[in-house]
N, C-alpha and C. Protein backbone atom coordinates (compact mmCIF):
# COMPACT_ATOMS: atom_id res chain seq x y z
N MET A 1 1.71 56.88 1.82
CA MET A 1 1.85 55.63 0.82
C MET A 1 2.95 54.98 1.77
N ALA A 2 3.25 55.34 2.67
CA ALA A 2 4.00 54.27 3.34
C ALA A 2 3.28 53.31 4.55
N ASP A 3 2.34 53.97 5.20
CA ASP A 3 1.40 52.95 5.36
C ASP A 3 0.46 51.50 4.81
N GLU A 4 0.71 51.49 3.73
CA GLU A 4 -0.05 51.06 2.56
C GLU A 4 1.17 49.46 3.13
N LYS A 5 0.81 48.55 3.60
CA LYS A 5 1.64 47.67 3.55
C LYS A 5 1.24 45.79 2.98
N ILE A 6 2.49 45.03 2.25
CA ILE A 6 1.85 44.54 1.49
C ILE A 6 1.90 43.72 2.11
N GLN A 7 0.97 41.78 2.08
CA GLN A 7 1.54 41.07 2.95
C GLN A 7 1.30 39.26 1.80
N MET A 8 2.22 38.94 2.52
CA MET A 8 2.57 38.12 1.50
C MET A 8 1.36 36.60 1.99
N PRO A 9 1.55 35.85 0.69
CA PRO A 9 0.65 34.56 1.50
C PRO A 9 1.47 33.68 2.15
N SER A 10 1.01 32.85 3.47
CA SER A 10 1.38 32.22 4.46
C SER A 10 2.08 31.56 4.00
N SER A 11 2.83 31.01 4.43
CA SER A 11 4.17 29.24 3.39
C SER A 11 2.89 28.29 3.97
N GLY A 12 2.40 27.75 4.53
CA GLY A 12 2.26 26.67 5.28
C GLY A 12 0.53 26.16 4.95
N GLY A 13 0.14 27.16 3.90
CA GLY A 13 -1.13 27.12 3.46
C GLY A 13 -1.30 25.74 2.18
N GLY A 14 -2.34 24.88 2.47
CA GLY A 14 -2.64 23.81 1.51
C GLY A 14 -1.68 22.50 1.73
N LEU A 15 -0.69 22.67 2.46
CA LEU A 15 0.16 21.02 3.43
C LEU A 15 -0.80 20.45 4.47
N VAL A 16 -0.22 18.49 4.19
CA VAL A 16 -1.47 18.14 4.39
C VAL A 16 -0.28 16.98 5.25
N ARG A 17 -0.23 17.17 6.22
CA ARG A 17 0.58 16.48 7.54
C ARG A 17 0.38 15.00 7.90
N TYR A 18 1.05 14.25 7.84
CA TYR A 18 0.40 12.99 7.51
C TYR A 18 1.43 12.37 9.17
N PHE A 19 1.01 11.99 9.71
CA PHE A 19 1.90 10.98 11.41
C PHE A 19 2.22 10.28 11.15
N GLU A 20 2.59 9.57 11.58
CA GLU A 20 3.93 8.16 11.72
C GLU A 20 3.02 7.60 13.20
N ASP A 21 2.36 7.38 13.87
CA ASP A 21 1.88 7.15 14.88
C ASP A 21 1.15 6.37 14.94
N TYR A 22 0.05 6.12 13.42
CA TYR A 22 -0.49 4.45 14.11
C TYR A 22 0.50 3.49 13.12
N LYS A 23 0.06 2.14 13.84
CA LYS A 23 0.70 0.96 14.35
C LYS A 23 -0.79 0.06 13.65
N SER A 24 0.01 -0.83 12.65
CA SER A 24 -1.07 -1.66 12.49
C SER A 24 -0.54 -2.78 13.24
N LYS A 25 -2.35 -3.85 13.63
CA LYS A 25 -1.57 -4.65 14.78
C LYS A 25 -1.80 -6.29 13.59
N LEU A 26 -1.68 -6.23 12.54
CA LEU A 26 -0.70 -7.25 11.15
C LEU A 26 0.04 -6.09 10.68
N GLN A 27 1.51 -6.60 11.20
CA GLN A 27 2.64 -6.71 10.19
C GLN A 27 3.27 -7.99 9.85
N PHE A 28 3.52 -8.00 8.58
CA PHE A 28 4.27 -9.00 7.79
C PHE A 28 5.62 -8.35 6.80
N LYS A 29 6.37 -9.73 7.54
CA LYS A 29 7.82 -8.93 6.12
C LYS A 29 7.46 -9.47 5.22
N PRO A 30 7.85 -8.57 4.61
CA PRO A 30 7.65 -8.86 3.01
C PRO A 30 8.32 -9.89 2.73
N HIS A 31 9.22 -10.74 3.11
CA HIS A 31 9.91 -12.65 2.25
C HIS A 31 8.34 -13.02 2.72
N TYR A 32 7.59 -13.11 4.05
CA TYR A 32 5.95 -14.08 3.70
C TYR A 32 5.62 -13.18 2.98
N VAL A 33 5.04 -11.91 2.40
CA VAL A 33 3.60 -12.01 0.97
C VAL A 33 4.15 -12.30 0.67
N ILE A 34 5.92 -12.51 -0.27
CA ILE A 34 6.37 -12.99 -1.12
C ILE A 34 6.04 -14.42 -1.16
N ALA A 35 6.66 -15.05 0.06
CA ALA A 35 6.41 -16.71 -0.21
C ALA A 35 4.88 -17.26 -0.69
N PHE A 36 4.24 -16.23 0.48
CA PHE A 36 2.42 -16.32 0.15
C PHE A 36 2.36 -15.89 -1.69
N ILE A 37 2.54 -15.52 -1.75
CA ILE A 37 1.93 -15.71 -2.86
C ILE A 37 2.89 -16.35 -4.09
N LEU A 38 3.38 -16.86 -3.67
CA LEU A 38 3.92 -17.89 -4.97
C LEU A 38 3.48 -19.24 -4.15
N ILE A 39 3.09 -20.20 -2.71
CA ILE A 39 2.56 -20.28 -2.54
C ILE A 39 1.06 -20.99 -3.11
N VAL A 40 0.82 -19.72 -3.51
CA VAL A 40 -0.86 -19.64 -4.09
C VAL A 40 -0.51 -19.87 -5.18
N VAL A 41 0.60 -19.31 -6.41
CA VAL A 41 0.10 -19.58 -7.52
C VAL A 41 0.50 -21.13 -7.58
N ILE A 42 1.34 -22.04 -6.51
CA ILE A 42 1.70 -23.14 -7.52
C ILE A 42 0.62 -24.09 -7.14
N ILE A 43 -0.49 -23.83 -5.84
CA ILE A 43 -1.75 -24.67 -5.80
C ILE A 43 -2.16 -23.75 -7.07
N GLU A 44 -3.00 -23.05 -7.37
CA GLU A 44 -3.19 -22.91 -8.28
C GLU A 44 -2.98 -23.19 -10.20
N LEU A 45 -1.65 -23.94 -10.33
CA LEU A 45 -0.58 -24.40 -10.94
C LEU A 45 -1.06 -25.84 -11.15
N ILE A 46 -1.27 -26.85 -10.05
CA ILE A 46 -1.56 -27.50 -9.40
C ILE A 46 -2.78 -28.15 -9.69
N LEU A 47 -3.62 -27.38 -9.35
CA LEU A 47 -5.45 -27.49 -9.54
C LEU A 47 -5.38 -27.42 -10.45
N PHE A 48 -5.17 -26.52 -11.62
CA PHE A 48 -5.45 -25.91 -13.16
C PHE A 48 -4.80 -27.61 -13.34
N ARG A 49 -3.91 -28.09 -13.46
CA ARG A 49 -3.13 -29.34 -14.17
C ARG A 49 -4.07 -30.69 -13.72
N VAL A 50 -4.23 -31.18 -12.67
CA VAL A 50 -4.87 -32.08 -11.52
C VAL A 50 -6.94 -31.39 -11.40
N GLY A 51 -7.41 -30.98 -11.57
CA GLY A 51 -8.59 -30.52 -12.13
C GLY A 51 -9.15 -30.93 -12.99
N SER A 52 -8.01 -30.38 -14.15
CA SER A 52 -8.90 -30.74 -15.93
C SER A 52 -8.44 -32.15 -15.69
N ARG A 53 -8.54 -32.57 -15.40
CA ARG A 53 -8.66 -34.47 -15.33
C ARG A 53 -9.81 -34.97 -14.78
N PHE A 54 -10.08 -34.73 -13.60
CA PHE A 54 -11.46 -34.87 -13.38
C PHE A 54 -12.45 -34.13 -13.50
N LEU A 55 -12.45 -32.91 -14.76
CA LEU A 55 -13.47 -32.25 -14.74
C LEU A 55 -14.17 -32.83 -16.56
N SER A 56 -12.87 -33.52 -16.63
CA SER A 56 -13.04 -34.07 -17.95
C SER A 56 -13.67 -35.03 -17.98
């Protein structure tokens, strides 16, 4: 009976490693993204107001 060994499951099973080595060629600062979104929203609001005059 002393020859029977109990094996525990490996602790690394099912783990996924993600590497941080990848660098995108396009990198934007968060300030630029927020500013771009605000500019697009302002342009759409202007077009909504002015465009409705041309289509009526």
